[in-house]
Amino acid sequence: MAKTLSDIKRSLDDILTETVELTFDDAASSVAY
């Protein structure tokens, strides 16, 4: 079943958010230790 454009955009937004959060966590960990 094909995804709608909005579904795809939502998925990309989720991925982007997760990536930013992971990057931020990594940076915070590096500073903390």
N, C-alpha and C. Protein backbone atom coordinates (compact mmCIF):
# COMPACT_ATOMS: atom_id res chain seq x y z
N MET A 1 0.85 -1.20 0.00
CA MET A 1 0.00 0.00 0.00
C MET A 1 0.89 1.25 0.00
N ALA A 2 0.63 2.09 -0.94
CA ALA A 2 1.45 3.30 -1.08
C ALA A 2 1.15 4.29 0.04
N LYS A 3 2.21 4.90 0.51
CA LYS A 3 2.03 5.93 1.54
C LYS A 3 1.65 7.25 0.89
N THR A 4 0.88 8.03 1.61
CA THR A 4 0.53 9.35 1.10
C THR A 4 1.70 10.28 1.36
N LEU A 5 1.69 11.41 0.69
CA LEU A 5 2.78 12.37 0.83
C LEU A 5 2.91 12.83 2.28
N SER A 6 1.78 13.02 2.94
CA SER A 6 1.82 13.48 4.33
C SER A 6 2.42 12.42 5.24
N ASP A 7 2.15 11.13 4.94
CA ASP A 7 2.74 10.05 5.74
C ASP A 7 4.25 10.06 5.60
N ILE A 8 4.71 10.24 4.36
CA ILE A 8 6.14 10.27 4.09
C ILE A 8 6.79 11.45 4.81
N LYS A 9 6.14 12.61 4.72
CA LYS A 9 6.69 13.80 5.38
C LYS A 9 6.76 13.58 6.89
N ARG A 10 5.73 12.97 7.44
CA ARG A 10 5.71 12.73 8.89
C ARG A 10 6.86 11.80 9.27
N SER A 11 7.09 10.77 8.46
CA SER A 11 8.17 9.83 8.73
C SER A 11 9.52 10.54 8.70
N LEU A 12 9.70 11.40 7.70
CA LEU A 12 10.96 12.14 7.59
C LEU A 12 11.13 13.07 8.78
N ASP A 13 10.04 13.71 9.21
CA ASP A 13 10.12 14.60 10.36
C ASP A 13 10.51 13.82 11.61
N ASP A 14 9.94 12.61 11.76
CA ASP A 14 10.27 11.78 12.92
C ASP A 14 11.74 11.40 12.90
N ILE A 15 12.23 11.01 11.73
CA ILE A 15 13.64 10.62 11.59
C ILE A 15 14.54 11.80 11.92
N LEU A 16 14.19 12.97 11.40
CA LEU A 16 14.99 14.16 11.63
C LEU A 16 15.03 14.48 13.13
N THR A 17 13.87 14.41 13.77
CA THR A 17 13.79 14.71 15.20
C THR A 17 14.64 13.74 16.00
N GLU A 18 14.54 12.44 15.67
CA GLU A 18 15.33 11.44 16.38
C GLU A 18 16.82 11.67 16.18
N THR A 19 17.20 11.99 14.96
CA THR A 19 18.61 12.22 14.65
C THR A 19 19.14 13.41 15.45
N VAL A 20 18.36 14.48 15.49
CA VAL A 20 18.78 15.67 16.24
C VAL A 20 18.91 15.34 17.72
N GLU A 21 17.93 14.60 18.25
CA GLU A 21 17.97 14.26 19.67
C GLU A 21 19.17 13.37 19.99
N LEU A 22 19.46 12.39 19.11
CA LEU A 22 20.60 11.51 19.33
C LEU A 22 21.90 12.29 19.27
N THR A 23 22.00 13.19 18.31
CA THR A 23 23.20 14.00 18.16
C THR A 23 23.39 14.87 19.40
N PHE A 24 22.29 15.44 19.88
CA PHE A 24 22.36 16.29 21.07
C PHE A 24 22.78 15.47 22.28
N ASP A 25 22.21 14.25 22.42
CA ASP A 25 22.57 13.38 23.53
C ASP A 25 24.05 13.03 23.48
N ASP A 26 24.55 12.73 22.28
CA ASP A 26 25.97 12.39 22.13
C ASP A 26 26.85 13.57 22.53
N ALA A 27 26.46 14.75 22.10
CA ALA A 27 27.23 15.95 22.41
C ALA A 27 27.21 16.20 23.92
N ALA A 28 26.06 16.04 24.53
CA ALA A 28 25.93 16.25 25.97
C ALA A 28 26.79 15.24 26.73
N SER A 29 26.79 14.00 26.25
CA SER A 29 27.59 12.97 26.91
C SER A 29 29.08 13.29 26.80
N SER A 30 29.49 13.77 25.64
CA SER A 30 30.89 14.11 25.43
C SER A 30 31.32 15.23 26.37
N VAL A 31 30.44 16.19 26.56
CA VAL A 31 30.75 17.32 27.44
C VAL A 31 30.76 16.85 28.89
N ALA A 32 29.81 15.99 29.23
CA ALA A 32 29.66 15.55 30.61
C ALA A 32 30.86 14.73 31.07
N TYR A 33 31.45 13.95 30.16
CA TYR A 33 32.55 13.08 30.58
C TYR A 33 33.89 13.62 30.18
